Amino acid sequence: MIYFLFVLPPFLLGLYAQWKVKSSFAAMSKVPAKMTGATAARRMLDAAGLQSVGIEQVPGQLSDHYDPRAKVLRLSPDVYSGHSMASLGVACHEAGHAFQDAQGYAPLVVRNLAVPAANFGSGIGATLLFLGAIMAFKPLMWIGVILFSAVVFFQVVNLPVEFDASNRARAHLVDYGLITAQEEKYVAKVLNAAALTYVAATLQSIMTLAYYLFILLGRRD
């Protein structure tokens, strides 16, 4: 029951955020745009002098991301070829990450450096914690907690990265004449819904870490 008190609220928020993203994307996919998501992202990148950044189509739904190593935007089919405000918003959000990368945006640099530690910590942190609990060996439990804290650090740093990319997308779409100021509200609906997923993921990692600390500090042996 204590576990659910810590983890259930952010988990439910995460489910709501996922539903919100899908429903907002579906709704804004019905609002037409004068170009595809790939075209809008290409124009946004070119206007900023980032002609070297590529754009590729990848399979999946909302599988869009920017690869800083390959310097490529990878867009899902609905975003790549979709003529909608939803497609423009998501594509240009990823272009916003390319802007960050080109400008050496500090939170993005820190986030990229934290990825290996976060991936390692998420996989082994909980395992070491509970092995330590079973063996009544606190040092092992502390190692597990410390490793999992890398996940929390990554999620916290990721928030400003994602918010900034969305802000860049919304501003540049209007500034470059890709949409009108009146149409910006449609893009904002999709990006605001996506922002909620990042908040939920951050809260979930924080509350999970808090639960692990509760287990560790609550032991008296």
N, C-alpha and C. Protein backbone atom coordinates (compact mmCIF):
# COMPACT_ATOMS: atom_id res chain seq x y z
N MET A 1 0.83 -1.21 0.00
CA MET A 1 0.00 0.00 0.00
C MET A 1 0.87 1.26 0.00
N ILE A 2 1.98 1.23 0.76
CA ILE A 2 2.86 2.40 0.79
C ILE A 2 3.46 2.66 -0.59
N TYR A 3 3.81 1.56 -1.29
CA TYR A 3 4.36 1.70 -2.64
C TYR A 3 3.38 2.43 -3.54
N PHE A 4 2.10 2.05 -3.47
CA PHE A 4 1.09 2.68 -4.32
C PHE A 4 0.88 4.15 -3.95
N LEU A 5 1.03 4.47 -2.68
CA LEU A 5 0.89 5.86 -2.27
C LEU A 5 1.96 6.74 -2.92
N PHE A 6 3.15 6.17 -3.08
CA PHE A 6 4.24 6.92 -3.71
C PHE A 6 4.12 6.94 -5.24
N VAL A 7 3.81 5.80 -5.81
CA VAL A 7 3.96 5.61 -7.25
C VAL A 7 2.67 5.79 -8.05
N LEU A 8 1.54 5.49 -7.43
CA LEU A 8 0.28 5.50 -8.19
C LEU A 8 -0.10 6.89 -8.73
N PRO A 9 -0.03 7.97 -7.92
CA PRO A 9 -0.43 9.29 -8.47
C PRO A 9 0.35 9.70 -9.73
N PRO A 10 1.70 9.64 -9.72
CA PRO A 10 2.40 10.00 -10.96
C PRO A 10 2.15 9.02 -12.10
N PHE A 11 1.90 7.75 -11.76
CA PHE A 11 1.57 6.77 -12.80
C PHE A 11 0.26 7.13 -13.48
N LEU A 12 -0.73 7.50 -12.70
CA LEU A 12 -2.02 7.91 -13.27
C LEU A 12 -1.88 9.19 -14.09
N LEU A 13 -1.04 10.11 -13.60
CA LEU A 13 -0.79 11.33 -14.36
C LEU A 13 -0.13 10.99 -15.69
N GLY A 14 0.76 10.01 -15.68
CA GLY A 14 1.41 9.59 -16.92
C GLY A 14 0.42 9.01 -17.91
N LEU A 15 -0.52 8.21 -17.42
CA LEU A 15 -1.55 7.65 -18.30
C LEU A 15 -2.40 8.76 -18.90
N TYR A 16 -2.76 9.73 -18.05
CA TYR A 16 -3.55 10.86 -18.54
C TYR A 16 -2.76 11.65 -19.58
N ALA A 17 -1.47 11.86 -19.34
CA ALA A 17 -0.64 12.62 -20.26
C ALA A 17 -0.54 11.92 -21.61
N GLN A 18 -0.39 10.60 -21.60
CA GLN A 18 -0.32 9.85 -22.85
C GLN A 18 -1.63 9.96 -23.63
N TRP A 19 -2.74 9.87 -22.90
CA TRP A 19 -4.05 10.02 -23.56
C TRP A 19 -4.19 11.43 -24.12
N LYS A 20 -3.74 12.42 -23.36
CA LYS A 20 -3.85 13.81 -23.78
C LYS A 20 -3.04 14.06 -25.05
N VAL A 21 -1.83 13.50 -25.11
CA VAL A 21 -1.00 13.68 -26.31
C VAL A 21 -1.67 13.07 -27.53
N LYS A 22 -2.16 11.84 -27.38
CA LYS A 22 -2.77 11.16 -28.52
C LYS A 22 -4.04 11.86 -28.98
N SER A 23 -4.86 12.29 -28.01
CA SER A 23 -6.12 12.95 -28.38
C SER A 23 -5.85 14.33 -28.98
N SER A 24 -4.88 15.06 -28.44
CA SER A 24 -4.54 16.38 -28.98
C SER A 24 -3.95 16.26 -30.38
N PHE A 25 -3.08 15.26 -30.56
CA PHE A 25 -2.48 15.07 -31.89
C PHE A 25 -3.56 14.70 -32.90
N ALA A 26 -4.50 13.82 -32.49
CA ALA A 26 -5.57 13.43 -33.40
C ALA A 26 -6.45 14.62 -33.76
N ALA A 27 -6.76 15.45 -32.76
CA ALA A 27 -7.61 16.61 -33.01
C ALA A 27 -6.92 17.63 -33.91
N MET A 28 -5.66 17.92 -33.63
CA MET A 28 -4.94 18.91 -34.41
C MET A 28 -4.50 18.38 -35.78
N SER A 29 -4.55 17.05 -35.94
CA SER A 29 -4.28 16.47 -37.25
C SER A 29 -5.39 16.79 -38.24
N LYS A 30 -6.53 17.20 -37.71
CA LYS A 30 -7.66 17.57 -38.56
C LYS A 30 -7.63 19.05 -38.95
N VAL A 31 -6.70 19.79 -38.35
CA VAL A 31 -6.56 21.21 -38.69
C VAL A 31 -5.49 21.32 -39.77
N PRO A 32 -5.87 21.67 -41.00
CA PRO A 32 -4.92 21.64 -42.12
C PRO A 32 -3.83 22.68 -42.04
N ALA A 33 -2.69 22.35 -42.62
CA ALA A 33 -1.57 23.28 -42.77
C ALA A 33 -1.20 23.33 -44.25
N LYS A 34 -0.48 24.36 -44.62
CA LYS A 34 -0.16 24.55 -46.04
C LYS A 34 1.07 23.77 -46.49
N MET A 35 1.68 23.02 -45.57
CA MET A 35 2.86 22.22 -45.92
C MET A 35 2.94 21.03 -44.98
N THR A 36 3.82 20.10 -45.30
CA THR A 36 4.01 18.93 -44.45
C THR A 36 4.91 19.27 -43.27
N GLY A 37 4.92 18.37 -42.30
CA GLY A 37 5.81 18.56 -41.16
C GLY A 37 7.27 18.58 -41.58
N ALA A 38 7.64 17.68 -42.52
CA ALA A 38 9.02 17.63 -42.98
C ALA A 38 9.41 18.92 -43.69
N THR A 39 8.51 19.45 -44.49
CA THR A 39 8.80 20.70 -45.21
C THR A 39 8.98 21.86 -44.23
N ALA A 40 8.11 21.93 -43.23
CA ALA A 40 8.21 23.01 -42.24
C ALA A 40 9.52 22.92 -41.47
N ALA A 41 9.88 21.70 -41.06
CA ALA A 41 11.14 21.53 -40.34
C ALA A 41 12.33 21.89 -41.21
N ARG A 42 12.27 21.49 -42.49
CA ARG A 42 13.35 21.81 -43.42
C ARG A 42 13.52 23.32 -43.57
N ARG A 43 12.41 24.03 -43.71
CA ARG A 43 12.47 25.48 -43.86
C ARG A 43 12.98 26.15 -42.59
N MET A 44 12.56 25.62 -41.46
CA MET A 44 13.01 26.17 -40.18
C MET A 44 14.52 25.97 -40.01
N LEU A 45 15.01 24.80 -40.36
CA LEU A 45 16.43 24.52 -40.25
C LEU A 45 17.24 25.36 -41.23
N ASP A 46 16.77 25.44 -42.47
CA ASP A 46 17.50 26.19 -43.49
C ASP A 46 17.57 27.68 -43.14
N ALA A 47 16.48 28.20 -42.59
CA ALA A 47 16.45 29.62 -42.23
C ALA A 47 17.46 29.94 -41.14
N ALA A 48 17.81 28.93 -40.34
CA ALA A 48 18.78 29.11 -39.26
C ALA A 48 20.19 28.71 -39.68
N GLY A 49 20.37 28.39 -40.95
CA GLY A 49 21.69 28.00 -41.44
C GLY A 49 22.08 26.58 -41.10
N LEU A 50 21.09 25.73 -40.85
CA LEU A 50 21.36 24.34 -40.48
C LEU A 50 21.04 23.40 -41.64
N GLN A 51 21.53 23.73 -42.82
CA GLN A 51 21.27 22.91 -44.01
C GLN A 51 21.88 21.52 -43.89
N SER A 52 22.90 21.37 -43.05
CA SER A 52 23.58 20.09 -42.90
C SER A 52 22.78 19.09 -42.07
N VAL A 53 21.77 19.56 -41.34
CA VAL A 53 20.94 18.66 -40.53
C VAL A 53 19.94 17.96 -41.44
N GLY A 54 19.95 16.64 -41.43
CA GLY A 54 19.07 15.87 -42.30
C GLY A 54 17.71 15.62 -41.68
N ILE A 55 16.79 15.16 -42.51
CA ILE A 55 15.45 14.78 -42.06
C ILE A 55 15.12 13.43 -42.67
N GLU A 56 14.77 12.47 -41.84
CA GLU A 56 14.45 11.13 -42.30
C GLU A 56 13.10 10.68 -41.76
N GLN A 57 12.46 9.80 -42.50
CA GLN A 57 11.21 9.20 -42.02
C GLN A 57 11.52 7.86 -41.36
N VAL A 58 10.92 7.64 -40.20
CA VAL A 58 11.12 6.38 -39.48
C VAL A 58 9.75 5.79 -39.15
N PRO A 59 9.67 4.48 -39.01
CA PRO A 59 8.38 3.86 -38.69
C PRO A 59 7.94 4.16 -37.27
N GLY A 60 6.64 3.95 -37.02
CA GLY A 60 6.09 4.13 -35.69
C GLY A 60 5.15 5.31 -35.61
N GLN A 61 4.50 5.42 -34.48
CA GLN A 61 3.59 6.54 -34.23
C GLN A 61 4.16 7.40 -33.10
N LEU A 62 4.31 8.69 -33.37
CA LEU A 62 4.93 9.63 -32.42
C LEU A 62 6.29 9.12 -31.96
N SER A 63 7.04 8.56 -32.91
CA SER A 63 8.39 8.07 -32.64
C SER A 63 9.44 9.12 -33.01
N ASP A 64 9.00 10.36 -33.12
CA ASP A 64 9.84 11.45 -33.60
C ASP A 64 10.93 11.80 -32.58
N HIS A 65 12.13 12.07 -33.10
CA HIS A 65 13.23 12.48 -32.23
C HIS A 65 14.34 13.10 -33.07
N TYR A 66 15.23 13.81 -32.38
CA TYR A 66 16.42 14.35 -33.03
C TYR A 66 17.62 13.55 -32.54
N ASP A 67 18.44 13.09 -33.47
CA ASP A 67 19.64 12.33 -33.15
C ASP A 67 20.83 13.28 -33.20
N PRO A 68 21.38 13.68 -32.04
CA PRO A 68 22.48 14.65 -32.04
C PRO A 68 23.79 14.09 -32.58
N ARG A 69 23.95 12.77 -32.58
CA ARG A 69 25.17 12.18 -33.10
C ARG A 69 25.19 12.19 -34.62
N ALA A 70 24.04 11.83 -35.22
CA ALA A 70 23.96 11.80 -36.68
C ALA A 70 23.54 13.14 -37.27
N LYS A 71 23.11 14.08 -36.39
CA LYS A 71 22.60 15.38 -36.84
C LYS A 71 21.42 15.18 -37.81
N VAL A 72 20.45 14.40 -37.36
CA VAL A 72 19.30 14.06 -38.20
C VAL A 72 18.02 14.14 -37.39
N LEU A 73 16.98 14.74 -37.99
CA LEU A 73 15.63 14.67 -37.44
C LEU A 73 14.98 13.41 -37.98
N ARG A 74 14.45 12.59 -37.11
CA ARG A 74 13.78 11.37 -37.53
C ARG A 74 12.30 11.51 -37.17
N LEU A 75 11.46 11.53 -38.20
CA LEU A 75 10.05 11.82 -38.03
C LEU A 75 9.19 10.63 -38.42
N SER A 76 8.14 10.40 -37.64
CA SER A 76 7.19 9.33 -37.93
C SER A 76 6.41 9.67 -39.20
N PRO A 77 5.80 8.68 -39.87
CA PRO A 77 5.09 8.94 -41.13
C PRO A 77 4.01 10.02 -41.02
N ASP A 78 3.22 10.00 -39.94
CA ASP A 78 2.15 10.99 -39.79
C ASP A 78 2.69 12.40 -39.67
N VAL A 79 3.88 12.55 -39.09
CA VAL A 79 4.49 13.87 -38.93
C VAL A 79 5.25 14.26 -40.19
N TYR A 80 5.98 13.33 -40.74
CA TYR A 80 6.81 13.61 -41.91
C TYR A 80 5.98 14.10 -43.10
N SER A 81 4.89 13.39 -43.39
CA SER A 81 4.11 13.71 -44.59
C SER A 81 2.75 14.33 -44.28
N GLY A 82 2.44 14.54 -43.01
CA GLY A 82 1.14 15.09 -42.64
C GLY A 82 1.03 16.58 -42.91
N HIS A 83 -0.09 16.99 -43.53
CA HIS A 83 -0.37 18.42 -43.77
C HIS A 83 -1.30 18.94 -42.66
N SER A 84 -0.78 19.03 -41.44
CA SER A 84 -1.63 19.45 -40.32
C SER A 84 -0.82 20.24 -39.32
N MET A 85 -1.55 20.95 -38.44
CA MET A 85 -0.88 21.70 -37.38
C MET A 85 -0.16 20.77 -36.41
N ALA A 86 -0.71 19.58 -36.21
CA ALA A 86 -0.05 18.61 -35.34
C ALA A 86 1.30 18.21 -35.91
N SER A 87 1.34 17.94 -37.22
CA SER A 87 2.59 17.55 -37.87
C SER A 87 3.62 18.65 -37.79
N LEU A 88 3.20 19.88 -38.05
CA LEU A 88 4.14 21.01 -37.99
C LEU A 88 4.69 21.20 -36.59
N GLY A 89 3.82 21.09 -35.59
CA GLY A 89 4.25 21.29 -34.21
C GLY A 89 5.30 20.29 -33.78
N VAL A 90 5.04 19.00 -34.05
CA VAL A 90 5.97 17.95 -33.63
C VAL A 90 7.27 18.04 -34.41
N ALA A 91 7.18 18.24 -35.72
CA ALA A 91 8.39 18.30 -36.55
C ALA A 91 9.28 19.47 -36.15
N CYS A 92 8.67 20.61 -35.91
CA CYS A 92 9.46 21.80 -35.57
C CYS A 92 9.94 21.76 -34.13
N HIS A 93 9.27 21.01 -33.26
CA HIS A 93 9.80 20.77 -31.92
C HIS A 93 11.14 20.03 -32.03
N GLU A 94 11.19 19.03 -32.89
CA GLU A 94 12.44 18.29 -33.07
C GLU A 94 13.50 19.19 -33.73
N ALA A 95 13.07 20.07 -34.62
CA ALA A 95 14.01 21.03 -35.20
C ALA A 95 14.55 21.95 -34.11
N GLY A 96 13.72 22.24 -33.11
CA GLY A 96 14.17 23.05 -31.98
C GLY A 96 15.34 22.40 -31.26
N HIS A 97 15.34 21.06 -31.18
CA HIS A 97 16.47 20.36 -30.56
C HIS A 97 17.74 20.53 -31.40
N ALA A 98 17.57 20.54 -32.73
CA ALA A 98 18.73 20.77 -33.60
C ALA A 98 19.30 22.17 -33.37
N PHE A 99 18.41 23.15 -33.17
CA PHE A 99 18.86 24.51 -32.83
C PHE A 99 19.68 24.49 -31.55
N GLN A 100 19.16 23.79 -30.54
CA GLN A 100 19.86 23.70 -29.25
C GLN A 100 21.25 23.09 -29.43
N ASP A 101 21.30 22.03 -30.21
CA ASP A 101 22.56 21.32 -30.43
C ASP A 101 23.56 22.24 -31.12
N ALA A 102 23.11 22.96 -32.14
CA ALA A 102 24.00 23.85 -32.89
C ALA A 102 24.52 24.99 -32.03
N GLN A 103 23.71 25.43 -31.07
CA GLN A 103 24.08 26.56 -30.23
C GLN A 103 24.75 26.15 -28.93
N GLY A 104 24.92 24.85 -28.73
CA GLY A 104 25.55 24.37 -27.50
C GLY A 104 24.71 24.66 -26.27
N TYR A 105 23.40 24.52 -26.39
CA TYR A 105 22.48 24.80 -25.29
C TYR A 105 22.85 23.94 -24.09
N ALA A 106 23.21 24.56 -22.99
CA ALA A 106 23.81 23.86 -21.85
C ALA A 106 22.97 22.70 -21.31
N PRO A 107 21.65 22.89 -21.06
CA PRO A 107 20.88 21.76 -20.54
C PRO A 107 20.87 20.55 -21.48
N LEU A 108 20.90 20.80 -22.80
CA LEU A 108 20.96 19.68 -23.75
C LEU A 108 22.29 18.95 -23.64
N VAL A 109 23.38 19.70 -23.50
CA VAL A 109 24.70 19.09 -23.35
C VAL A 109 24.74 18.22 -22.10
N VAL A 110 24.22 18.74 -21.01
CA VAL A 110 24.19 17.98 -19.75
C VAL A 110 23.30 16.75 -19.89
N ARG A 111 22.14 16.92 -20.52
CA ARG A 111 21.23 15.78 -20.71
C ARG A 111 21.89 14.67 -21.52
N ASN A 112 22.56 15.03 -22.60
CA ASN A 112 23.21 14.03 -23.44
C ASN A 112 24.30 13.29 -22.67
N LEU A 113 25.02 14.03 -21.83
CA LEU A 113 26.06 13.39 -21.02
C LEU A 113 25.47 12.45 -19.98
N ALA A 114 24.25 12.75 -19.53
CA ALA A 114 23.62 11.96 -18.47
C ALA A 114 22.93 10.71 -19.00
N VAL A 115 22.76 10.59 -20.31
CA VAL A 115 22.03 9.45 -20.87
C VAL A 115 22.62 8.09 -20.48
N PRO A 116 23.92 7.85 -20.65
CA PRO A 116 24.46 6.53 -20.28
C PRO A 116 24.23 6.18 -18.82
N ALA A 117 24.46 7.14 -17.92
CA ALA A 117 24.26 6.88 -16.49
C ALA A 117 22.80 6.61 -16.18
N ALA A 118 21.89 7.35 -16.84
CA ALA A 118 20.46 7.15 -16.60
C ALA A 118 20.02 5.78 -17.10
N ASN A 119 20.51 5.38 -18.27
CA ASN A 119 20.14 4.06 -18.81
C ASN A 119 20.65 2.94 -17.91
N PHE A 120 21.86 3.10 -17.41
CA PHE A 120 22.44 2.09 -16.53
C PHE A 120 21.71 2.07 -15.19
N GLY A 121 21.46 3.24 -14.64
CA GLY A 121 20.81 3.33 -13.34
C GLY A 121 19.39 2.82 -13.33
N SER A 122 18.66 3.05 -14.43
CA SER A 122 17.27 2.60 -14.48
C SER A 122 17.18 1.08 -14.52
N GLY A 123 18.18 0.45 -15.11
CA GLY A 123 18.14 -1.00 -15.22
C GLY A 123 18.61 -1.74 -13.98
N ILE A 124 19.64 -1.22 -13.34
CA ILE A 124 20.26 -1.97 -12.25
C ILE A 124 20.01 -1.37 -10.87
N GLY A 125 19.60 -0.12 -10.81
CA GLY A 125 19.43 0.53 -9.52
C GLY A 125 18.44 -0.17 -8.62
N ALA A 126 17.23 -0.43 -9.15
CA ALA A 126 16.20 -1.09 -8.35
C ALA A 126 16.61 -2.51 -7.98
N THR A 127 17.30 -3.19 -8.90
CA THR A 127 17.74 -4.57 -8.65
C THR A 127 18.70 -4.62 -7.47
N LEU A 128 19.67 -3.72 -7.45
CA LEU A 128 20.63 -3.70 -6.35
C LEU A 128 19.95 -3.32 -5.03
N LEU A 129 18.99 -2.40 -5.11
CA LEU A 129 18.29 -1.98 -3.90
C LEU A 129 17.57 -3.16 -3.25
N PHE A 130 16.85 -3.90 -4.04
CA PHE A 130 16.06 -4.99 -3.46
C PHE A 130 16.92 -6.21 -3.13
N LEU A 131 18.00 -6.41 -3.86
CA LEU A 131 18.94 -7.46 -3.46
C LEU A 131 19.56 -7.13 -2.12
N GLY A 132 19.90 -5.85 -1.95
CA GLY A 132 20.45 -5.41 -0.67
C GLY A 132 19.46 -5.56 0.45
N ALA A 133 18.17 -5.31 0.16
CA ALA A 133 17.13 -5.45 1.18
C ALA A 133 16.97 -6.92 1.59
N ILE A 134 17.00 -7.80 0.60
CA ILE A 134 16.86 -9.24 0.88
C ILE A 134 18.05 -9.74 1.71
N MET A 135 19.24 -9.22 1.36
CA MET A 135 20.45 -9.66 2.05
C MET A 135 20.72 -8.85 3.32
N ALA A 136 19.85 -7.85 3.58
CA ALA A 136 20.05 -6.96 4.73
C ALA A 136 21.44 -6.32 4.69
N PHE A 137 21.82 -5.88 3.47
CA PHE A 137 23.14 -5.29 3.26
C PHE A 137 22.94 -3.86 2.76
N LYS A 138 23.02 -2.91 3.69
CA LYS A 138 22.70 -1.52 3.36
C LYS A 138 23.62 -0.87 2.33
N PRO A 139 24.91 -1.15 2.34
CA PRO A 139 25.76 -0.53 1.31
C PRO A 139 25.29 -0.83 -0.11
N LEU A 140 24.83 -2.07 -0.35
CA LEU A 140 24.33 -2.43 -1.67
C LEU A 140 23.04 -1.66 -1.99
N MET A 141 22.21 -1.48 -0.98
CA MET A 141 20.98 -0.71 -1.16
C MET A 141 21.29 0.74 -1.53
N TRP A 142 22.29 1.32 -0.84
CA TRP A 142 22.66 2.70 -1.14
C TRP A 142 23.22 2.84 -2.55
N ILE A 143 23.98 1.86 -3.00
CA ILE A 143 24.49 1.89 -4.37
C ILE A 143 23.33 1.90 -5.37
N GLY A 144 22.32 1.07 -5.07
CA GLY A 144 21.14 1.02 -5.95
C GLY A 144 20.42 2.35 -6.00
N VAL A 145 20.28 2.99 -4.84
CA VAL A 145 19.60 4.28 -4.79
C VAL A 145 20.40 5.35 -5.53
N ILE A 146 21.71 5.34 -5.33
CA ILE A 146 22.56 6.33 -6.00
C ILE A 146 22.50 6.15 -7.53
N LEU A 147 22.53 4.90 -7.97
CA LEU A 147 22.45 4.65 -9.41
C LEU A 147 21.11 5.11 -9.98
N PHE A 148 20.03 4.85 -9.25
CA PHE A 148 18.71 5.26 -9.75
C PHE A 148 18.57 6.78 -9.74
N SER A 149 19.29 7.45 -8.87
CA SER A 149 19.19 8.91 -8.82
C SER A 149 19.65 9.54 -10.13
N ALA A 150 20.45 8.81 -10.92
CA ALA A 150 20.85 9.31 -12.23
C ALA A 150 19.65 9.45 -13.15
N VAL A 151 18.65 8.59 -12.97
CA VAL A 151 17.42 8.68 -13.76
C VAL A 151 16.68 9.97 -13.40
N VAL A 152 16.60 10.25 -12.11
CA VAL A 152 15.93 11.47 -11.66
C VAL A 152 16.65 12.70 -12.20
N PHE A 153 17.97 12.69 -12.12
CA PHE A 153 18.76 13.82 -12.63
C PHE A 153 18.48 14.04 -14.12
N PHE A 154 18.46 12.95 -14.88
CA PHE A 154 18.19 13.05 -16.31
C PHE A 154 16.82 13.66 -16.57
N GLN A 155 15.80 13.18 -15.86
CA GLN A 155 14.45 13.67 -16.08
C GLN A 155 14.32 15.15 -15.71
N VAL A 156 14.96 15.56 -14.63
CA VAL A 156 14.89 16.96 -14.22
C VAL A 156 15.57 17.86 -15.25
N VAL A 157 16.73 17.45 -15.74
CA VAL A 157 17.44 18.24 -16.75
C VAL A 157 16.67 18.24 -18.07
N ASN A 158 15.96 17.15 -18.34
CA ASN A 158 15.22 17.03 -19.60
C ASN A 158 14.08 18.03 -19.71
N LEU A 159 13.51 18.44 -18.57
CA LEU A 159 12.37 19.37 -18.61
C LEU A 159 12.69 20.67 -19.33
N PRO A 160 13.72 21.42 -18.93
CA PRO A 160 14.00 22.66 -19.65
C PRO A 160 14.37 22.43 -21.11
N VAL A 161 14.99 21.28 -21.41
CA VAL A 161 15.35 20.98 -22.80
C VAL A 161 14.10 20.87 -23.66
N GLU A 162 13.12 20.13 -23.17
CA GLU A 162 11.90 19.92 -23.95
C GLU A 162 11.05 21.19 -24.02
N PHE A 163 10.94 21.90 -22.91
CA PHE A 163 10.15 23.15 -22.92
C PHE A 163 10.77 24.17 -23.87
N ASP A 164 12.10 24.26 -23.85
CA ASP A 164 12.77 25.22 -24.72
C ASP A 164 12.59 24.86 -26.19
N ALA A 165 12.66 23.58 -26.51
CA ALA A 165 12.46 23.15 -27.90
C ALA A 165 11.05 23.50 -28.39
N SER A 166 10.06 23.32 -27.51
CA SER A 166 8.69 23.67 -27.88
C SER A 166 8.53 25.18 -28.07
N ASN A 167 9.15 25.95 -27.18
CA ASN A 167 9.07 27.41 -27.30
C ASN A 167 9.72 27.89 -28.60
N ARG A 168 10.85 27.27 -28.95
CA ARG A 168 11.52 27.63 -30.19
C ARG A 168 10.61 27.30 -31.39
N ALA A 169 9.98 26.13 -31.36
CA ALA A 169 9.11 25.73 -32.46
C ALA A 169 7.96 26.71 -32.64
N ARG A 170 7.31 27.04 -31.55
CA ARG A 170 6.15 27.95 -31.62
C ARG A 170 6.56 29.32 -32.14
N ALA A 171 7.70 29.82 -31.66
CA ALA A 171 8.15 31.16 -32.08
C ALA A 171 8.59 31.17 -33.53
N HIS A 172 9.40 30.18 -33.93
CA HIS A 172 9.96 30.21 -35.28
C HIS A 172 8.92 29.88 -36.34
N LEU A 173 7.94 29.06 -36.00
CA LEU A 173 6.88 28.79 -36.97
C LEU A 173 6.19 30.08 -37.39
N VAL A 174 5.98 30.97 -36.43
CA VAL A 174 5.35 32.26 -36.74
C VAL A 174 6.36 33.22 -37.36
N ASP A 175 7.55 33.31 -36.77
CA ASP A 175 8.56 34.25 -37.25
C ASP A 175 8.97 33.99 -38.69
N TYR A 176 9.04 32.72 -39.08
CA TYR A 176 9.45 32.37 -40.43
C TYR A 176 8.27 32.31 -41.41
N GLY A 177 7.08 32.64 -40.93
CA GLY A 177 5.92 32.68 -41.80
C GLY A 177 5.37 31.33 -42.20
N LEU A 178 5.69 30.30 -41.43
CA LEU A 178 5.20 28.96 -41.74
C LEU A 178 3.75 28.78 -41.31
N ILE A 179 3.35 29.50 -40.26
CA ILE A 179 1.96 29.57 -39.83
C ILE A 179 1.67 31.02 -39.45
N THR A 180 0.40 31.35 -39.30
CA THR A 180 0.05 32.69 -38.85
C THR A 180 0.02 32.73 -37.32
N ALA A 181 0.01 33.92 -36.78
CA ALA A 181 -0.06 34.08 -35.33
C ALA A 181 -1.35 33.47 -34.79
N GLN A 182 -2.42 33.54 -35.57
CA GLN A 182 -3.70 32.97 -35.15
C GLN A 182 -3.66 31.44 -35.12
N GLU A 183 -2.82 30.85 -35.95
CA GLU A 183 -2.73 29.38 -36.01
C GLU A 183 -1.81 28.81 -34.92
N GLU A 184 -1.04 29.66 -34.29
CA GLU A 184 -0.09 29.19 -33.27
C GLU A 184 -0.78 28.45 -32.13
N LYS A 185 -2.02 28.81 -31.84
CA LYS A 185 -2.73 28.16 -30.74
C LYS A 185 -2.97 26.67 -31.00
N TYR A 186 -3.08 26.30 -32.27
CA TYR A 186 -3.30 24.89 -32.60
C TYR A 186 -2.02 24.08 -32.34
N VAL A 187 -0.90 24.65 -32.73
CA VAL A 187 0.39 24.00 -32.47
C VAL A 187 0.62 23.89 -30.96
N ALA A 188 0.24 24.95 -30.24
CA ALA A 188 0.46 24.98 -28.79
C ALA A 188 -0.29 23.85 -28.09
N LYS A 189 -1.47 23.49 -28.59
CA LYS A 189 -2.25 22.42 -27.95
C LYS A 189 -1.50 21.10 -27.97
N VAL A 190 -0.85 20.80 -29.09
CA VAL A 190 -0.10 19.55 -29.19
C VAL A 190 1.15 19.60 -28.31
N LEU A 191 1.87 20.71 -28.38
CA LEU A 191 3.13 20.81 -27.63
C LEU A 191 2.90 20.90 -26.13
N ASN A 192 1.83 21.54 -25.71
CA ASN A 192 1.51 21.60 -24.28
C ASN A 192 1.14 20.22 -23.75
N ALA A 193 0.42 19.45 -24.55
CA ALA A 193 0.08 18.09 -24.14
C ALA A 193 1.34 17.24 -24.02
N ALA A 194 2.26 17.42 -24.97
CA ALA A 194 3.52 16.67 -24.90
C ALA A 194 4.32 17.07 -23.66
N ALA A 195 4.28 18.35 -23.31
CA ALA A 195 5.00 18.81 -22.13
C ALA A 195 4.53 18.11 -20.87
N LEU A 196 3.24 17.79 -20.82
CA LEU A 196 2.69 17.11 -19.65
C LEU A 196 3.30 15.72 -19.47
N THR A 197 3.66 15.06 -20.58
CA THR A 197 4.28 13.74 -20.47
C THR A 197 5.66 13.84 -19.83
N TYR A 198 6.40 14.92 -20.13
CA TYR A 198 7.72 15.11 -19.52
C TYR A 198 7.58 15.39 -18.03
N VAL A 199 6.58 16.18 -17.67
CA VAL A 199 6.33 16.46 -16.26
C VAL A 199 5.98 15.18 -15.51
N ALA A 200 5.12 14.37 -16.12
CA ALA A 200 4.70 13.12 -15.48
C ALA A 200 5.88 12.17 -15.30
N ALA A 201 6.74 12.07 -16.32
CA ALA A 201 7.90 11.19 -16.23
C ALA A 201 8.86 11.65 -15.13
N THR A 202 9.02 12.96 -15.02
CA THR A 202 9.90 13.50 -13.98
C THR A 202 9.33 13.22 -12.59
N LEU A 203 8.04 13.46 -12.44
CA LEU A 203 7.40 13.22 -11.14
C LEU A 203 7.44 11.75 -10.77
N GLN A 204 7.25 10.89 -11.75
CA GLN A 204 7.28 9.45 -11.48
C GLN A 204 8.66 9.01 -11.00
N SER A 205 9.71 9.53 -11.64
CA SER A 205 11.06 9.15 -11.22
C SER A 205 11.38 9.70 -9.83
N ILE A 206 10.94 10.91 -9.53
CA ILE A 206 11.19 11.50 -8.22
C ILE A 206 10.48 10.71 -7.12
N MET A 207 9.22 10.36 -7.37
CA MET A 207 8.46 9.63 -6.36
C MET A 207 8.98 8.20 -6.18
N THR A 208 9.48 7.62 -7.26
CA THR A 208 10.08 6.28 -7.14
C THR A 208 11.34 6.35 -6.29
N LEU A 209 12.16 7.36 -6.51
CA LEU A 209 13.36 7.54 -5.69
C LEU A 209 12.98 7.80 -4.23
N ALA A 210 11.92 8.59 -4.03
CA ALA A 210 11.47 8.86 -2.66
C ALA A 210 11.03 7.57 -1.98
N TYR A 211 10.39 6.69 -2.72
CA TYR A 211 9.98 5.40 -2.15
C TYR A 211 11.19 4.56 -1.79
N TYR A 212 12.20 4.53 -2.67
CA TYR A 212 13.41 3.78 -2.38
C TYR A 212 14.10 4.30 -1.12
N LEU A 213 14.14 5.63 -0.98
CA LEU A 213 14.74 6.22 0.22
C LEU A 213 13.92 5.90 1.46
N PHE A 214 12.61 5.84 1.30
CA PHE A 214 11.73 5.48 2.42
C PHE A 214 12.04 4.07 2.89
N ILE A 215 12.24 3.16 1.92
CA ILE A 215 12.59 1.78 2.28
C ILE A 215 13.92 1.74 3.01
N LEU A 216 14.89 2.45 2.45
CA LEU A 216 16.25 2.40 3.00
C LEU A 216 16.34 3.06 4.37
N LEU A 217 15.81 4.26 4.48
CA LEU A 217 15.92 5.00 5.74
C LEU A 217 14.97 4.47 6.81
N GLY A 218 13.96 3.72 6.35
CA GLY A 218 13.00 3.17 7.31
C GLY A 218 13.49 1.91 7.97
N ARG A 219 14.57 1.33 7.42
CA ARG A 219 15.12 0.10 8.01
C ARG A 219 15.96 0.45 9.25
N ARG A 220 15.84 -0.32 10.28
CA ARG A 220 16.53 -0.02 11.53
C ARG A 220 17.57 -1.08 11.89
N ASP A 221 17.73 -2.07 10.99
CA ASP A 221 18.68 -3.13 11.31
C ASP A 221 20.09 -2.71 10.96
